[in-house]
Amino acid sequence: MVAMSKLLSNSDTKHKRLEFPARSLPAFPIPDVQNSTEFVAFDRLHKPWKFKVSIRNQGKYLKPWLTGEWAYYVRRKGLRKGDKVTMTTHDEENGNKIYHIRAERKHFGFWYSIDQQ
């Protein structure tokens, strides 16, 4: 299941966090009375990446963002504005969630994986 997919903005690639739509939050369960959760996502090379999803403590809008190893992931994959990041999840039989992250770049109208790094 696609947990979150986003075309990257300049801010997503230059700062140490990725802001994403609140409609994607159900894929990242945050424990009650907390405003963040940590998890590991695997890229296509099966490399684990440690991420943290956080939300605002107050206010009308949750405004979720992703941190942790996000800045390192951006540098390592050479991500730039206009690239696409997709995070998927599936539930194991024991109830644990497994996350995968994929980075793609559009070239001549087609999306290509840039996960070779």
Protein backbone atom coordinates (compact mmCIF):
# COMPACT_ATOMS: atom_id res chain seq x y z
CA MET A 1 0.00 0.00 0.00
CA VAL A 2 1.29 3.48 -0.81
CA ALA A 3 1.77 5.29 2.47
CA MET A 4 3.01 8.56 0.99
CA SER A 5 4.11 9.88 -2.38
CA LYS A 6 5.43 13.35 -3.06
CA LEU A 7 7.14 15.39 -5.73
CA LEU A 8 9.98 17.06 -3.92
CA SER A 9 10.09 20.80 -3.48
CA ASN A 10 13.27 22.83 -3.19
CA SER A 11 12.62 23.04 0.56
CA ASP A 12 12.37 19.22 0.85
CA THR A 13 15.81 18.80 -0.67
CA LYS A 14 17.62 21.73 0.96
CA HIS A 15 16.37 21.42 4.53
CA LYS A 16 16.61 18.51 6.91
CA ARG A 17 12.96 17.51 6.62
CA LEU A 18 10.30 16.44 4.16
CA GLU A 19 6.84 17.90 4.67
CA PHE A 20 4.03 15.66 3.44
CA PRO A 21 0.21 15.65 3.31
CA ALA A 22 -1.70 14.91 6.53
CA ARG A 23 -3.84 12.38 4.64
CA SER A 24 -0.78 10.06 4.71
CA LEU A 25 -0.55 10.06 8.53
CA PRO A 26 -2.60 6.86 9.12
CA ALA A 27 0.30 4.88 7.59
CA PHE A 28 2.58 6.14 10.38
CA PRO A 29 0.77 5.43 13.65
CA ILE A 30 1.83 7.88 16.35
CA PRO A 31 1.23 6.68 19.93
CA ASP A 32 -1.31 8.63 21.98
CA VAL A 33 0.02 11.68 23.86
CA GLN A 34 3.09 11.77 21.62
CA ASN A 35 3.80 13.88 18.55
CA SER A 36 6.26 11.60 16.76
CA THR A 37 7.15 8.03 15.87
CA GLU A 38 10.32 6.45 14.53
CA PHE A 39 10.60 3.66 11.98
CA VAL A 40 12.96 2.08 9.46
CA ALA A 41 12.31 2.04 5.71
CA PHE A 42 14.27 -0.07 3.25
CA ASP A 43 15.30 1.18 -0.19
CA ARG A 44 15.46 -1.00 -3.31
CA LEU A 45 18.98 -2.07 -2.35
CA HIS A 46 17.59 -3.27 1.02
CA LYS A 47 19.53 -0.57 2.87
CA PRO A 48 17.71 0.48 6.06
CA TRP A 49 17.02 4.18 6.61
CA LYS A 50 15.93 5.49 10.02
CA PHE A 51 13.17 8.09 9.83
CA LYS A 52 10.99 9.97 12.26
CA VAL A 53 7.50 11.32 11.53
CA SER A 54 6.42 14.27 13.66
CA ILE A 55 3.32 16.45 13.91
CA ARG A 56 2.51 19.74 15.60
CA ASN A 57 1.64 19.69 19.28
CA GLN A 58 -1.07 22.30 18.78
CA GLY A 59 -3.05 24.00 16.11
CA LYS A 60 -5.75 23.23 13.62
CA TYR A 61 -3.47 21.47 11.14
CA LEU A 62 -1.15 18.57 11.98
CA LYS A 63 1.46 19.50 9.31
CA PRO A 64 3.44 16.22 9.36
CA TRP A 65 7.11 16.09 8.47
CA LEU A 66 9.78 13.43 8.10
CA THR A 67 13.26 13.80 9.65
CA GLY A 68 15.84 11.33 10.95
CA GLU A 69 18.15 10.28 8.13
CA TRP A 70 16.15 12.28 5.56
CA ALA A 71 18.97 14.78 4.83
CA TYR A 72 21.47 11.94 4.40
CA TYR A 73 19.02 10.07 2.15
CA VAL A 74 18.66 13.20 -0.03
CA ARG A 75 22.45 13.60 -0.35
CA ARG A 76 23.12 9.90 -0.91
CA LYS A 77 20.51 9.59 -3.67
CA GLY A 78 21.32 12.99 -5.19
CA LEU A 79 17.69 14.09 -4.92
CA ARG A 80 16.58 17.42 -6.30
CA LYS A 81 13.44 19.45 -6.83
CA GLY A 82 10.95 17.57 -9.02
CA ASP A 83 12.12 14.07 -8.06
CA LYS A 84 9.51 11.80 -6.53
CA VAL A 85 9.71 9.88 -3.27
CA THR A 86 7.23 7.10 -2.54
CA MET A 87 6.94 5.23 0.72
CA THR A 88 5.00 1.98 0.86
CA THR A 89 4.03 -0.26 3.74
CA HIS A 90 2.68 -3.71 4.31
CA ASP A 91 1.66 -5.51 7.47
CA GLU A 92 3.40 -8.69 8.50
CA GLU A 93 1.45 -11.57 10.03
CA ASN A 94 2.73 -10.58 13.49
CA GLY A 95 1.21 -7.09 13.10
CA ASN A 96 4.46 -5.22 12.46
CA LYS A 97 4.63 -2.76 9.58
CA ILE A 98 7.41 -2.99 6.99
CA TYR A 99 8.22 0.24 5.14
CA HIS A 100 9.97 0.71 1.80
CA ILE A 101 11.15 3.96 0.25
CA ARG A 102 11.72 4.57 -3.46
CA ALA A 103 13.22 7.61 -5.20
CA GLU A 104 12.50 8.33 -8.86
CA ARG A 105 13.38 10.96 -11.44
CA LYS A 106 11.39 11.82 -14.56
CA HIS A 107 13.31 11.53 -17.81
CA PHE A 108 11.66 11.97 -21.22
CA GLY A 109 8.22 11.55 -19.65
CA PHE A 110 8.99 8.33 -17.74
CA TRP A 111 9.83 7.81 -14.06
CA TYR A 112 13.11 5.97 -13.45
CA SER A 113 14.49 4.64 -10.18
CA ILE A 114 17.46 6.53 -8.78
CA ASP A 115 18.01 4.04 -5.96
CA GLN A 116 21.27 2.67 -7.33
CA GLN A 117 23.21 4.45 -4.57
